[in-house]
Amino acid sequence: MDKKKIMLFYPPGPMFQRGEDRCQQNVDEGSAQAMRACNDLGYAAAVLLKRDYEVRLRDFQTELRTMDEMYKEMEEFGPDMIMMSTTNTTVFDDIKIMNELKSRLSCINVLKGAIFYDPEQAMLDLLDLTQIDYLIGGEVDFAIGEVADYAFKGEGKIEEVDNILYKGEDGKFISTRFHVWGQDLDAQPFPARQLMNNALYTRPDTDAPMATIQTARGCPSSCVFCLTPGISGKCVRFRSPENVMAELTECYEKYGIKDFFFKADTFTINAEWVKKLCEMIIDSPLYGNIHFTANSRVNPLKKETLELMKKAGCFLVAFGFESGSDEILKAIHKGATVEQNLRAAQWCHEVGLPFWGFFVIGFPWENREHIMETKRLIHKADPDFIEITIALPYYGTPLYETCKEENLLADNVLGSDFFHSSMTGTKYLTMDEVMKLRRNILLGFYLRPKYIFRKMGECITHPSVFLNYCKYGIKLVVNLFK
């Protein structure tokens, strides 16, 4: 009997972090974003390969392929099932593509994305899902294998596959159990990097291939704008440091990858876990040969953790500072203060560890002074890089409920992103005013002579890095004024 064929893919079009369920970042319009590896597809592929399916994985968007090229390859491969990762922004266009593929291939259609995590029926009613067979809202590696086995082998009970929706006999979607999560992350196979075009995913400064390694899932925080507590749970599930080291070693030895993004909702939340991993790197043959970046919270955080991370090869840490106003930080349930933001920044300066600051403006409670406080924090903290996004009320978040109550939502929250918000503004500012403030803060930060000369000095011995800085600088200015 021939193996069933399954195609996992991102479609052609604008570049989004489709594998990042938390943020789904618009890469094209960000200030200095680079595409991260398609680990969601990689995990799904690894699970399906273990179950003896023939799998093909394609990231058409990052390869800059055309729609016609995608259709041609799909028809030549002849998949029995296709699975696409979608985003809040692209979902309407993505469904049109899936509908077209259904007419051409007559295959089983699976759509995966955070948008389908325990969704409201009112939201589903906005979408033409007549040609979609399954919706995966949770962690794909804990669902896709069971969905495929049920569809092709009649094995298992589809109603027992957690965090998905499937069609009933009447054609309406039925939800399974949500808000449950797989616990044994070490038992999951590593992403099938042999099927991924690893050269597509690079460090923004050097263009060297950079793999994404997910070290943990879940976050105990309650930020009102974040999808993570709902999708991945408030209890952090860690992989063992030994398991992470095994994946690092495989990437280095088998694929020649030396740069890594440690993906976790907050990498530094358990200082002892970080210490053990860093010490394992330092005591291994990888020490001095690999480098990594990671996300962090400013609270909890220890200076000693940053020092050890740098020693182990960390070249950049990213903080979600969000706001320079304690009033707004409290309103969004950040669980941190401006003082803690500044302390984390100071520690990075003292340690000599470059850091990226992420900020969000446009929350319902914000007025101009709140945003000016964020501007003052940015200049006082003096990060190496910043990104300022617009508050986005995803379905399923407390921010969405607040915006609905305050009558601040546009007609449809779908089709929006961090740079094209579905909010009409704050209670005190129009969206045009918020966007102008964002532009002015970004330009005021990046176009400072002090900043430009500092970055030029850092690149004296690395001309390629300087050229990349110039490339992202031009992109930033173009995006802000187009």
Protein backbone atom coordinates (compact mmCIF):
# COMPACT_ATOMS: atom_id res chain seq x y z
CA MET A 1 0.00 0.00 0.00
CA ASP A 2 1.40 3.41 -1.00
CA LYS A 3 2.15 5.87 1.77
CA LYS A 4 -0.27 8.73 2.15
CA LYS A 5 1.25 12.05 1.12
CA ILE A 6 1.01 15.13 3.34
CA MET A 7 2.10 18.67 2.41
CA LEU A 8 2.84 21.14 5.22
CA PHE A 9 3.29 24.71 4.04
CA TYR A 10 3.24 28.47 4.36
CA PRO A 11 1.69 30.03 1.23
CA PRO A 12 3.24 32.73 -0.97
CA GLY A 13 2.61 36.32 0.01
CA PRO A 14 3.72 38.82 2.66
CA MET A 15 6.06 37.40 5.27
CA PHE A 16 4.61 36.63 8.68
CA GLN A 17 5.95 34.63 11.61
CA ARG A 18 3.32 31.98 11.00
CA GLY A 19 4.88 29.58 13.48
CA GLU A 20 4.74 32.13 16.29
CA ASP A 21 1.27 31.61 17.72
CA ARG A 22 1.81 34.34 20.31
CA CYS A 23 2.59 37.27 18.03
CA GLN A 24 2.32 36.25 14.33
CA GLN A 25 4.64 39.17 13.57
CA ASN A 26 4.41 41.02 10.27
CA VAL A 27 8.07 40.68 9.23
CA ASP A 28 7.81 42.88 6.14
CA GLU A 29 6.72 45.93 8.12
CA GLY A 30 8.75 45.44 11.30
CA SER A 31 11.79 47.59 12.05
CA ALA A 32 14.43 44.85 12.13
CA GLN A 33 12.72 41.49 12.09
CA ALA A 34 14.10 38.42 10.32
CA MET A 35 12.09 35.34 9.46
CA ARG A 36 12.38 32.59 12.04
CA ALA A 37 12.40 28.92 11.19
CA CYS A 38 9.07 27.21 10.49
CA ASN A 39 9.28 25.01 13.58
CA ASP A 40 5.55 24.39 13.72
CA LEU A 41 5.76 22.70 10.33
CA GLY A 42 9.00 21.03 11.35
CA TYR A 43 7.44 19.51 14.47
CA ALA A 44 4.39 18.38 12.51
CA ALA A 45 6.62 16.80 9.86
CA ALA A 46 8.68 14.94 12.46
CA VAL A 47 5.54 13.49 14.07
CA LEU A 48 4.11 12.41 10.70
CA LEU A 49 7.36 10.84 9.54
CA LYS A 50 7.41 8.70 12.66
CA ARG A 51 3.94 7.50 11.69
CA ASP A 52 5.19 6.48 8.24
CA TYR A 53 3.64 9.20 6.08
CA GLU A 54 5.38 10.74 3.08
CA VAL A 55 5.84 14.36 4.04
CA ARG A 56 6.88 17.46 2.15
CA LEU A 57 7.44 20.80 3.90
CA ARG A 58 7.54 24.11 2.04
CA ASP A 59 7.82 27.70 3.18
CA PHE A 60 6.70 29.35 -0.06
CA GLN A 61 6.46 32.84 1.48
CA THR A 62 10.09 33.00 2.65
CA GLU A 63 11.33 31.43 -0.60
CA LEU A 64 9.51 34.27 -2.41
CA ARG A 65 7.71 31.78 -4.62
CA THR A 66 4.65 32.71 -6.68
CA MET A 67 1.17 31.32 -6.34
CA ASP A 68 1.45 29.59 -9.70
CA GLU A 69 4.69 27.91 -8.63
CA MET A 70 3.00 26.67 -5.47
CA TYR A 71 -0.01 25.30 -7.34
CA LYS A 72 2.27 23.53 -9.82
CA GLU A 73 4.32 21.89 -7.08
CA MET A 74 1.21 20.86 -5.18
CA GLU A 75 -0.29 19.22 -8.26
CA GLU A 76 2.96 17.41 -9.06
CA PHE A 77 3.26 16.11 -5.49
CA GLY A 78 -0.42 15.12 -5.30
CA PRO A 79 -0.92 15.26 -1.51
CA ASP A 80 -3.71 13.38 0.20
CA MET A 81 -3.70 15.98 2.98
CA ILE A 82 -2.45 19.55 3.20
CA MET A 83 -1.87 21.63 6.33
CA MET A 84 -1.30 25.37 6.28
CA SER A 85 -0.34 27.62 9.19
CA THR A 86 -2.48 30.74 9.17
CA THR A 87 -2.47 34.02 11.10
CA ASN A 88 -4.99 36.52 12.40
CA THR A 89 -3.95 38.86 9.60
CA THR A 90 -3.87 36.52 6.61
CA VAL A 91 -6.72 34.17 7.42
CA PHE A 92 -9.14 35.43 4.73
CA ASP A 93 -6.58 35.13 1.93
CA ASP A 94 -5.33 31.82 3.33
CA ILE A 95 -8.79 30.29 3.26
CA LYS A 96 -9.20 31.33 -0.37
CA ILE A 97 -5.97 29.49 -1.17
CA MET A 98 -7.11 26.40 0.72
CA ASN A 99 -10.43 26.45 -1.13
CA GLU A 100 -8.63 26.66 -4.46
CA LEU A 101 -6.32 23.79 -3.50
CA LYS A 102 -9.33 21.68 -2.51
CA SER A 103 -10.81 22.12 -5.98
CA ARG A 104 -7.52 21.20 -7.65
CA LEU A 105 -6.42 18.32 -5.42
CA SER A 106 -9.51 16.92 -3.68
CA CYS A 107 -7.41 16.43 -0.56
CA ILE A 108 -8.09 16.68 3.16
CA ASN A 109 -7.66 20.31 4.24
CA VAL A 110 -6.23 21.18 7.66
CA LEU A 111 -5.84 24.76 8.85
CA LYS A 112 -3.66 25.41 11.89
CA GLY A 113 -3.44 28.65 13.84
CA ALA A 114 -3.95 30.37 17.19
CA ILE A 115 -7.10 31.93 15.79
CA PHE A 116 -8.79 28.54 16.18
CA TYR A 117 -7.98 28.08 19.84
CA ASP A 118 -11.35 27.58 21.55
CA PRO A 119 -12.89 30.10 19.13
CA GLU A 120 -16.16 31.98 19.44
CA GLN A 121 -18.80 30.76 17.02
CA ALA A 122 -19.37 34.37 15.98
CA MET A 123 -15.77 34.51 14.78
CA LEU A 124 -16.02 31.23 12.88
CA ASP A 125 -19.16 32.53 11.19
CA LEU A 126 -17.05 35.28 9.60
CA LEU A 127 -15.00 32.68 7.71
CA ASP A 128 -15.81 30.51 4.71
CA LEU A 129 -14.74 27.17 6.16
CA THR A 130 -16.85 24.97 3.90
CA GLN A 131 -13.78 23.37 2.28
CA ILE A 132 -11.79 22.95 5.51
CA ASP A 133 -11.94 19.58 7.24
CA TYR A 134 -9.99 20.15 10.48
CA LEU A 135 -8.92 23.20 12.49
CA ILE A 136 -5.96 22.85 14.85
CA GLY A 137 -5.88 25.57 17.47
CA GLY A 138 -3.42 24.09 19.94
CA GLU A 139 0.15 22.84 19.74
CA VAL A 140 0.35 21.12 16.38
CA ASP A 141 2.75 18.32 17.34
CA PHE A 142 0.25 17.02 19.89
CA ALA A 143 -2.58 16.84 17.32
CA ILE A 144 -1.55 16.36 13.68
CA GLY A 145 -0.48 12.72 14.03
CA GLU A 146 -3.79 11.72 15.58
CA VAL A 147 -5.75 13.69 12.97
CA ALA A 148 -3.89 11.96 10.12
CA ASP A 149 -4.27 8.49 11.62
CA TYR A 150 -7.99 9.04 12.11
CA ALA A 151 -8.47 10.43 8.59
CA PHE A 152 -6.45 7.78 6.75
CA LYS A 153 -6.42 4.71 8.98
CA GLY A 154 -9.62 5.08 10.96
CA GLU A 155 -7.58 4.84 14.13
CA GLY A 156 -8.51 6.55 17.37
CA LYS A 157 -11.45 8.79 18.16
CA ILE A 158 -11.33 12.25 16.68
CA GLU A 159 -13.36 13.66 19.57
CA GLU A 160 -10.50 12.67 21.89
CA VAL A 161 -7.87 14.72 20.03
CA ASP A 162 -7.44 17.81 22.20
CA ASN A 163 -7.47 21.43 21.01
CA ILE A 164 -8.98 20.92 17.54
CA LEU A 165 -12.26 21.33 15.70
CA TYR A 166 -13.64 18.73 13.30
CA LYS A 167 -16.71 18.63 11.10
CA GLY A 168 -19.81 16.81 12.19
CA GLU A 169 -22.28 15.08 9.87
CA ASP A 170 -24.19 18.34 9.46
CA GLY A 171 -21.06 20.11 8.21
CA LYS A 172 -20.70 22.23 11.34
CA PHE A 173 -17.50 22.27 13.34
CA ILE A 174 -17.38 20.49 16.67
CA SER A 175 -14.85 21.50 19.31
CA THR A 176 -12.90 18.93 21.28
CA ARG A 177 -11.43 19.59 24.70
CA PHE A 178 -9.37 22.80 24.96
CA HIS A 179 -7.12 24.19 27.70
CA VAL A 180 -5.20 20.93 28.15
CA TRP A 181 -1.57 20.50 27.17
CA GLY A 182 0.91 17.75 26.47
CA GLN A 183 3.35 17.52 29.36
CA ASP A 184 6.30 15.42 28.18
CA LEU A 185 8.13 17.75 25.81
CA ASP A 186 11.24 15.57 25.84
CA ALA A 187 9.21 12.81 24.19
CA GLN A 188 8.47 14.98 21.15
CA PRO A 189 10.78 14.50 18.14
CA PHE A 190 13.01 17.37 17.08
CA PRO A 191 11.72 19.42 14.12
CA ALA A 192 12.41 17.66 10.81
CA ARG A 193 15.16 20.03 9.69
CA GLN A 194 16.10 17.66 6.87
CA LEU A 195 12.88 18.84 5.20
CA MET A 196 13.39 22.53 6.00
CA ASN A 197 15.39 24.99 3.91
CA ASN A 198 17.51 26.06 6.88
CA ALA A 199 19.39 28.69 4.87
CA LEU A 200 16.20 30.78 4.70
CA TYR A 201 16.29 31.61 8.41
CA THR A 202 19.19 33.82 9.44
CA ARG A 203 20.57 36.15 12.08
CA PRO A 204 19.60 39.70 11.08
CA ASP A 205 23.10 41.07 11.65
CA THR A 206 25.30 38.39 10.05
CA ASP A 207 22.93 36.51 7.71
CA ALA A 208 24.26 33.24 9.17
CA PRO A 209 21.70 30.41 9.36
CA MET A 210 19.87 30.47 12.69
CA ALA A 211 17.76 27.62 14.03
CA THR A 212 14.87 28.07 16.43
CA ILE A 213 14.90 25.75 19.43
CA GLN A 214 11.83 25.74 21.64
CA THR A 215 13.05 25.27 25.20
CA ALA A 216 9.76 25.65 27.07
CA ARG A 217 6.07 26.29 26.56
CA GLY A 218 3.62 28.27 28.65
CA CYS A 219 3.79 31.44 30.74
CA PRO A 220 2.49 32.16 34.27
CA SER A 221 1.95 35.85 33.51
CA SER A 222 -1.42 37.41 32.72
CA CYS A 223 -0.65 40.15 30.19
CA VAL A 224 -4.03 41.22 28.83
CA PHE A 225 -2.89 41.31 25.20
CA CYS A 226 -1.10 37.96 25.04
CA LEU A 227 -2.42 34.69 23.65
CA THR A 228 0.10 32.48 25.43
CA PRO A 229 -1.67 31.85 28.77
CA GLY A 230 -4.68 30.52 26.86
CA ILE A 231 -2.90 28.59 24.13
CA SER A 232 0.11 27.19 25.98
CA GLY A 233 -1.11 27.42 29.56
CA LYS A 234 0.02 29.33 32.64
CA CYS A 235 2.13 26.43 33.90
CA VAL A 236 5.55 26.49 32.24
CA ARG A 237 6.49 23.13 30.73
CA PHE A 238 10.25 22.82 30.35
CA ARG A 239 12.29 20.52 28.21
CA SER A 240 15.22 19.07 30.10
CA PRO A 241 18.56 20.84 29.51
CA GLU A 242 19.88 17.49 28.29
CA ASN A 243 17.19 17.28 25.63
CA VAL A 244 17.89 20.84 24.47
CA MET A 245 21.61 20.06 24.32
CA ALA A 246 20.87 17.03 22.14
CA GLU A 247 19.00 19.23 19.66
CA LEU A 248 21.75 21.86 19.71
CA THR A 249 24.32 19.16 18.98
CA GLU A 250 22.25 17.73 16.14
CA CYS A 251 21.88 21.17 14.56
CA TYR A 252 25.61 21.87 14.85
CA GLU A 253 26.93 18.49 13.77
CA LYS A 254 24.33 17.44 11.20
CA TYR A 255 23.27 20.77 9.68
CA GLY A 256 26.23 23.03 10.40
CA ILE A 257 24.08 25.58 12.23
CA LYS A 258 25.94 27.70 14.78
CA ASP A 259 23.38 30.36 15.70
CA PHE A 260 20.18 29.77 17.63
CA PHE A 261 17.04 31.46 18.85
CA PHE A 262 15.92 29.88 22.11
CA LYS A 263 12.17 30.15 21.85
CA ALA A 264 10.32 30.32 25.13
CA ASP A 265 7.64 32.66 26.33
CA THR A 266 10.17 33.73 28.93
CA PHE A 267 13.51 31.94 28.73
CA THR A 268 14.88 33.23 32.04
CA ILE A 269 11.90 32.53 34.29
CA ASN A 270 13.71 29.62 35.99
CA ALA A 271 17.25 30.75 36.82
CA GLU A 272 18.37 27.29 37.88
CA TRP A 273 17.22 25.76 34.59
CA VAL A 274 19.07 28.45 32.62
CA LYS A 275 22.17 27.92 34.76
CA LYS A 276 22.19 24.19 34.09
CA LEU A 277 21.79 24.63 30.32
CA CYS A 278 24.48 27.32 30.12
CA GLU A 279 26.89 25.23 32.19
CA MET A 280 26.25 22.26 29.92
CA ILE A 281 27.07 24.40 26.87
CA ILE A 282 30.23 25.72 28.52
CA ASP A 283 31.36 22.17 29.39
CA SER A 284 30.64 20.84 25.87
CA PRO A 285 32.52 20.86 22.55
CA LEU A 286 29.96 23.44 21.37
CA TYR A 287 31.39 26.10 23.68
CA GLY A 288 32.83 28.97 21.71
CA ASN A 289 31.36 27.59 18.49
CA ILE A 290 27.68 28.46 18.93
CA HIS A 291 25.80 31.64 19.79
CA PHE A 292 22.21 32.22 20.83
CA THR A 293 19.56 34.82 21.54
CA ALA A 294 16.53 34.50 23.80
CA ASN A 295 13.50 36.32 25.19
CA SER A 296 13.37 37.33 28.83
CA ARG A 297 11.19 39.07 31.36
CA VAL A 298 12.61 41.82 33.56
CA ASN A 299 10.97 40.10 36.52
CA PRO A 300 12.06 37.60 37.70
CA LEU A 301 15.64 38.13 36.53
CA LYS A 302 19.11 37.98 38.05
CA LYS A 303 22.22 39.77 36.88
CA GLU A 304 24.12 36.51 37.40
CA THR A 305 21.81 34.82 34.89
CA LEU A 306 22.68 37.40 32.23
CA GLU A 307 26.39 37.02 32.96
CA LEU A 308 26.22 33.26 32.57
CA MET A 309 24.16 33.51 29.39
CA LYS A 310 26.75 35.81 27.84
CA LYS A 311 29.57 33.47 28.84
CA ALA A 312 27.71 30.53 27.24
CA GLY A 313 27.36 32.39 23.94
CA CYS A 314 24.33 34.68 24.20
CA PHE A 315 24.76 37.56 21.75
CA LEU A 316 21.41 39.31 22.39
CA VAL A 317 18.56 39.17 24.88
CA ALA A 318 15.09 40.56 24.21
CA PHE A 319 12.83 42.14 26.83
CA GLY A 320 9.14 42.87 26.56
CA PHE A 321 9.34 46.22 28.38
CA GLU A 322 5.95 47.17 26.86
CA SER A 323 5.54 50.58 28.54
CA GLY A 324 7.33 53.33 30.41
CA SER A 325 4.26 54.04 32.53
CA ASP A 326 3.67 52.17 35.77
CA GLU A 327 -0.02 52.97 35.41
CA ILE A 328 -0.17 51.19 32.04
CA LEU A 329 2.01 48.29 33.18
CA LYS A 330 -0.46 47.72 36.00
CA ALA A 331 -3.46 48.03 33.67
CA ILE A 332 -2.08 45.39 31.28
CA HIS A 333 -1.17 43.05 34.19
CA LYS A 334 2.46 42.95 33.13
CA GLY A 335 3.71 42.00 36.57
CA ALA A 336 6.67 44.38 36.27
CA THR A 337 7.50 48.01 36.97
CA VAL A 338 9.38 50.76 35.17
CA GLU A 339 12.08 50.49 37.84
CA GLN A 340 12.51 46.80 37.03
CA ASN A 341 12.64 47.62 33.30
CA LEU A 342 15.47 50.07 33.94
CA ARG A 343 17.26 47.65 36.26
CA ALA A 344 17.28 44.93 33.60
CA ALA A 345 18.61 47.43 31.05
CA GLN A 346 21.33 48.58 33.44
CA TRP A 347 22.40 45.00 34.14
CA CYS A 348 22.75 44.37 30.40
CA HIS A 349 24.91 47.46 30.01
CA GLU A 350 27.07 46.38 32.95
CA VAL A 351 27.41 42.82 31.66
CA GLY A 352 28.07 43.99 28.10
CA LEU A 353 25.15 42.00 26.73
CA PRO A 354 23.29 43.69 23.84
CA PHE A 355 19.54 43.78 24.29
CA TRP A 356 16.40 44.41 22.31
CA GLY A 357 13.48 46.32 23.79
CA PHE A 358 9.93 45.56 22.69
CA PHE A 359 7.27 48.15 23.42
CA VAL A 360 3.51 48.34 22.84
CA ILE A 361 1.49 51.54 22.55
CA GLY A 362 -2.16 52.21 21.89
CA PHE A 363 -3.71 50.44 24.86
CA PRO A 364 -7.27 51.64 25.60
CA TRP A 365 -6.20 53.54 28.74
CA GLU A 366 -3.30 55.42 27.14
CA ASN A 367 -3.11 59.14 26.54
CA ARG A 368 -0.25 61.08 24.97
CA GLU A 369 1.62 61.45 28.27
CA HIS A 370 1.64 57.69 28.82
CA ILE A 371 3.28 57.22 25.44
CA MET A 372 5.76 60.00 26.16
CA GLU A 373 6.70 58.10 29.32
CA THR A 374 7.47 55.10 27.11
CA LYS A 375 9.61 57.33 24.90
CA ARG A 376 11.54 58.53 27.94
CA LEU A 377 12.07 54.93 29.10
CA ILE A 378 13.41 53.98 25.68
CA HIS A 379 16.04 56.70 25.74
CA LYS A 380 16.95 56.11 29.37
CA ALA A 381 17.25 52.31 28.96
CA ASP A 382 19.10 52.80 25.65
CA PRO A 383 18.59 49.34 24.09
CA ASP A 384 20.60 48.25 21.08
CA PHE A 385 17.43 47.75 19.07
CA ILE A 386 13.76 48.48 19.62
CA GLU A 387 10.41 47.59 18.12
CA ILE A 388 7.20 49.45 18.87
CA THR A 389 3.98 47.69 17.99
CA ILE A 390 0.35 48.72 18.29
CA ALA A 391 -1.87 47.00 20.84
CA LEU A 392 -3.78 44.24 19.05
CA PRO A 393 -6.97 42.80 20.58
CA TYR A 394 -6.78 39.14 19.59
CA TYR A 395 -9.92 37.06 20.03
CA GLY A 396 -9.75 35.27 23.36
CA THR A 397 -7.71 37.90 25.22
CA PRO A 398 -8.86 40.24 28.01
CA LEU A 399 -7.78 43.15 25.81
CA TYR A 400 -10.35 42.11 23.22
CA GLU A 401 -13.09 42.12 25.85
CA THR A 402 -12.00 45.55 27.12
CA CYS A 403 -11.94 47.03 23.62
CA LYS A 404 -15.38 45.60 22.94
CA GLU A 405 -16.77 47.08 26.16
CA GLU A 406 -15.19 50.47 25.44
CA ASN A 407 -16.43 50.48 21.83
CA LEU A 408 -12.89 50.74 20.49
CA LEU A 409 -13.02 47.87 18.00
CA ALA A 410 -13.19 48.27 14.25
CA ASP A 411 -15.77 46.25 12.35
CA ASN A 412 -13.61 43.11 12.33
CA VAL A 413 -10.56 42.20 14.38
CA LEU A 414 -9.48 39.69 11.74
CA GLY A 415 -7.14 40.86 9.00
CA SER A 416 -5.23 43.20 11.33
CA ASP A 417 -1.71 43.08 12.74
CA PHE A 418 0.62 45.02 15.03
CA PHE A 419 1.04 47.76 12.43
CA HIS A 420 -2.57 47.84 11.20
CA SER A 421 -4.57 47.52 14.39
CA SER A 422 -8.23 46.60 14.53
CA MET A 423 -8.69 49.26 17.23
CA THR A 424 -10.09 52.67 16.35
CA GLY A 425 -7.69 54.24 18.84
CA THR A 426 -7.49 54.65 22.59
CA LYS A 427 -10.04 56.42 24.77
CA TYR A 428 -7.95 59.57 24.34
CA LEU A 429 -6.12 59.26 21.00
CA THR A 430 -7.13 58.40 17.44
CA MET A 431 -5.27 55.60 15.70
CA ASP A 432 -3.67 58.15 13.38
CA GLU A 433 -2.27 59.95 16.42
CA VAL A 434 -0.95 56.67 17.87
CA MET A 435 0.73 55.78 14.57
CA LYS A 436 2.37 59.21 14.31
CA LEU A 437 3.72 58.86 17.84
CA ARG A 438 5.13 55.43 16.95
CA ARG A 439 6.85 56.83 13.87
CA ASN A 440 8.34 59.77 15.73
CA ILE A 441 9.66 57.63 18.59
CA LEU A 442 11.27 55.10 16.25
CA LEU A 443 12.91 57.77 14.11
CA GLY A 444 14.00 59.70 17.17
CA PHE A 445 15.70 56.60 18.55
CA TYR A 446 17.36 55.16 15.47
CA LEU A 447 18.43 58.42 13.82
CA ARG A 448 20.33 59.78 16.83
CA PRO A 449 23.90 60.62 15.76
CA LYS A 450 25.16 58.98 18.98
CA TYR A 451 23.38 55.75 18.10
CA ILE A 452 24.50 55.76 14.46
CA PHE A 453 28.18 56.34 15.33
CA ARG A 454 28.05 53.69 18.05
CA LYS A 455 26.71 51.09 15.64
CA MET A 456 29.22 52.11 12.98
CA GLY A 457 32.00 51.64 15.51
CA GLU A 458 30.77 48.17 16.39
CA CYS A 459 30.95 47.19 12.72
CA ILE A 460 34.47 48.39 11.87
CA THR A 461 35.75 44.82 11.63
CA HIS A 462 32.47 43.42 10.29
CA PRO A 463 31.53 45.22 7.03
CA SER A 464 28.74 42.72 6.28
CA VAL A 465 27.08 43.54 9.60
CA PHE A 466 27.25 47.24 8.79
CA LEU A 467 25.58 46.61 5.44
CA ASN A 468 22.79 44.69 7.16
CA TYR A 469 22.29 47.54 9.61
CA CYS A 470 21.99 49.90 6.64
CA LYS A 471 19.51 47.56 4.98
CA TYR A 472 17.27 47.43 8.03
CA GLY A 473 17.62 51.18 8.55
CA ILE A 474 16.40 51.86 5.02
CA LYS A 475 13.57 49.37 5.51
CA LEU A 476 12.52 51.12 8.73
CA VAL A 477 12.37 54.55 7.12
CA VAL A 478 10.51 53.28 4.06
CA ASN A 479 7.94 51.47 6.22
CA LEU A 480 7.36 54.50 8.40
CA PHE A 481 6.74 56.88 5.52
CA LYS A 482 5.06 54.75 2.88
